[in-house]
Amino acid sequence: MVIFSLLGIWAIKEGRREANIKQLLLGIGLVGYSYFTSEVWLVWLIGVALSVAVFRVRE
């Protein structure tokens, strides 16, 4: 949870700096999704998927 939240904070900063709304929204999703999931495997699955999406949006 901490790893994905830190990555989300970074994505929010970069999204604001680059004016990239998709990256900003994905960063917000990374920070907040783990509060709504209780299963560990779901936290990892969603976290990895959102992290991949953040890096694909940057390209």
C-alpha atoms as a PDB file:
ATOM      1  CA  MET A   1       0.000   0.000   0.000  1.00  0.00           C
ATOM      2  CA  VAL A   2       2.797   2.411   0.886  1.00  0.00           C
ATOM      3  CA  ILE A   3       4.724   1.668  -2.294  1.00  0.00           C
ATOM      4  CA  PHE A   4       1.731   2.356  -4.531  1.00  0.00           C
ATOM      5  CA  SER A   5       0.768   5.476  -2.570  1.00  0.00           C
ATOM      6  CA  LEU A   6       4.271   6.901  -3.003  1.00  0.00           C
ATOM      7  CA  LEU A   7       4.147   6.142  -6.707  1.00  0.00           C
ATOM      8  CA  GLY A   8       0.730   7.819  -6.829  1.00  0.00           C
ATOM      9  CA  ILE A   9       2.052  10.963  -5.147  1.00  0.00           C
ATOM     10  CA  TRP A  10       4.866  11.088  -7.683  1.00  0.00           C
ATOM     11  CA  ALA A  11       2.361  10.632 -10.529  1.00  0.00           C
ATOM     12  CA  ILE A  12       0.212  13.459  -9.165  1.00  0.00           C
ATOM     13  CA  LYS A  13       3.222  15.790  -9.024  1.00  0.00           C
ATOM     14  CA  GLU A  14       4.316  14.878 -12.536  1.00  0.00           C
ATOM     15  CA  GLY A  15       0.775  15.127 -13.887  1.00  0.00           C
ATOM     16  CA  ARG A  16       0.399  18.629 -12.479  1.00  0.00           C
ATOM     17  CA  ARG A  17       3.839  19.684 -13.714  1.00  0.00           C
ATOM     18  CA  GLU A  18       3.241  18.373 -17.236  1.00  0.00           C
ATOM     19  CA  ALA A  19      -0.489  19.314 -17.283  1.00  0.00           C
ATOM     20  CA  ASN A  20      -1.318  15.668 -18.031  1.00  0.00           C
ATOM     21  CA  ILE A  21      -4.820  15.062 -16.657  1.00  0.00           C
ATOM     22  CA  LYS A  22      -4.704  11.304 -17.288  1.00  0.00           C
ATOM     23  CA  GLN A  23      -1.531  10.896 -15.262  1.00  0.00           C
ATOM     24  CA  LEU A  24      -2.963  13.107 -12.521  1.00  0.00           C
ATOM     25  CA  LEU A  25      -6.142  11.014 -12.260  1.00  0.00           C
ATOM     26  CA  LEU A  26      -4.203   7.755 -12.272  1.00  0.00           C
ATOM     27  CA  GLY A  27      -2.034   9.127  -9.468  1.00  0.00           C
ATOM     28  CA  ILE A  28      -5.114   9.973  -7.433  1.00  0.00           C
ATOM     29  CA  GLY A  29      -6.382   6.466  -8.097  1.00  0.00           C
ATOM     30  CA  LEU A  30      -3.105   4.960  -6.904  1.00  0.00           C
ATOM     31  CA  VAL A  31      -3.225   6.917  -3.679  1.00  0.00           C
ATOM     32  CA  GLY A  32      -6.842   6.112  -2.884  1.00  0.00           C
ATOM     33  CA  TYR A  33      -7.754   2.676  -4.202  1.00  0.00           C
ATOM     34  CA  SER A  34      -6.153   0.696  -1.389  1.00  0.00           C
ATOM     35  CA  TYR A  35      -8.558   2.203   1.143  1.00  0.00           C
ATOM     36  CA  PHE A  36     -11.441   0.490  -0.646  1.00  0.00           C
ATOM     37  CA  THR A  37      -9.918  -2.973  -1.136  1.00  0.00           C
ATOM     38  CA  SER A  38      -9.491  -5.465   1.677  1.00  0.00           C
ATOM     39  CA  GLU A  39      -7.907  -8.423  -0.107  1.00  0.00           C
ATOM     40  CA  VAL A  40      -4.128  -8.362  -0.391  1.00  0.00           C
ATOM     41  CA  TRP A  41      -4.081  -9.909  -3.860  1.00  0.00           C
ATOM     42  CA  LEU A  42      -6.499  -7.211  -5.086  1.00  0.00           C
ATOM     43  CA  VAL A  43      -4.271  -4.464  -3.678  1.00  0.00           C
ATOM     44  CA  TRP A  44      -1.314  -5.874  -5.620  1.00  0.00           C
ATOM     45  CA  LEU A  45      -3.285  -6.542  -8.803  1.00  0.00           C
ATOM     46  CA  ILE A  46      -4.884  -3.106  -8.983  1.00  0.00           C
ATOM     47  CA  GLY A  47      -1.660  -1.396  -7.890  1.00  0.00           C
ATOM     48  CA  VAL A  48       0.410  -3.034 -10.592  1.00  0.00           C
ATOM     49  CA  ALA A  49      -2.250  -2.320 -13.230  1.00  0.00           C
ATOM     50  CA  LEU A  50      -2.492   1.364 -12.291  1.00  0.00           C
ATOM     51  CA  SER A  51       1.307   1.667 -12.121  1.00  0.00           C
ATOM     52  CA  VAL A  52       1.673   0.251 -15.617  1.00  0.00           C
ATOM     53  CA  ALA A  53      -1.031   2.636 -16.813  1.00  0.00           C
ATOM     54  CA  VAL A  54       0.821   5.616 -15.306  1.00  0.00           C
ATOM     55  CA  PHE A  55       3.998   4.775 -17.193  1.00  0.00           C
ATOM     56  CA  ARG A  56       2.151   4.078 -20.452  1.00  0.00           C
ATOM     57  CA  VAL A  57       0.384   7.456 -20.283  1.00  0.00           C
ATOM     58  CA  ARG A  58       3.741   9.192 -19.914  1.00  0.00           C
ATOM     59  CA  GLU A  59       4.989   7.882 -23.266  1.00  0.00           C
END
